Amino acid sequence: MTSETKRCQATPSWTIAIPPDFSTIDNADSWQAHADTRVVYVSSMKVENGGSLVLATVLRAAVARSLEPASEGERHQLEESGVVGDAQITSTATGFELKGFACTDGNLATCVISFEQGEHRQWAVSTWQSLRPT
């Protein structure tokens, strides 16, 4: 992310970088940021199996199946600093939507970014890729 962002505590276990002019809403179990026609939504959860943290690679494989087929949208990947994930941008009636997730061992963040202008695609991808565990 560039210096033109601020890092926010999106959920108790994840942060994200957004432009400084965005307003934020903390819904206790989820978080939103918005400005003009752009909206960022983040939620997260801890994932265990029998008291053990589910590995990030296992989480990624399971959650990636929830994305549309690759032919239905533009796919992006995240593999940085122990964080892995996938996202997809699709067209909507009012513009575009990035639906993505990021995970570490035992932690999953979901992220939806809505935007109207195609020129905001890279911003949406960079914002999603800025998700980091706390």
Foldseek 3Di string as FASTA:
>chain_A
DDPQWDWDDFAQWKIWTDGPPWDKDHPHQKIWTDDDFKIKIKGKDFDDDPPFWAAQVVVQVVVVVVDDPCVQFPKDWADPDQKTKIWTWHADPQAIKIWMWIDHGGMIMTMIMDGRDPVCVVVVVRRRNRMDTD
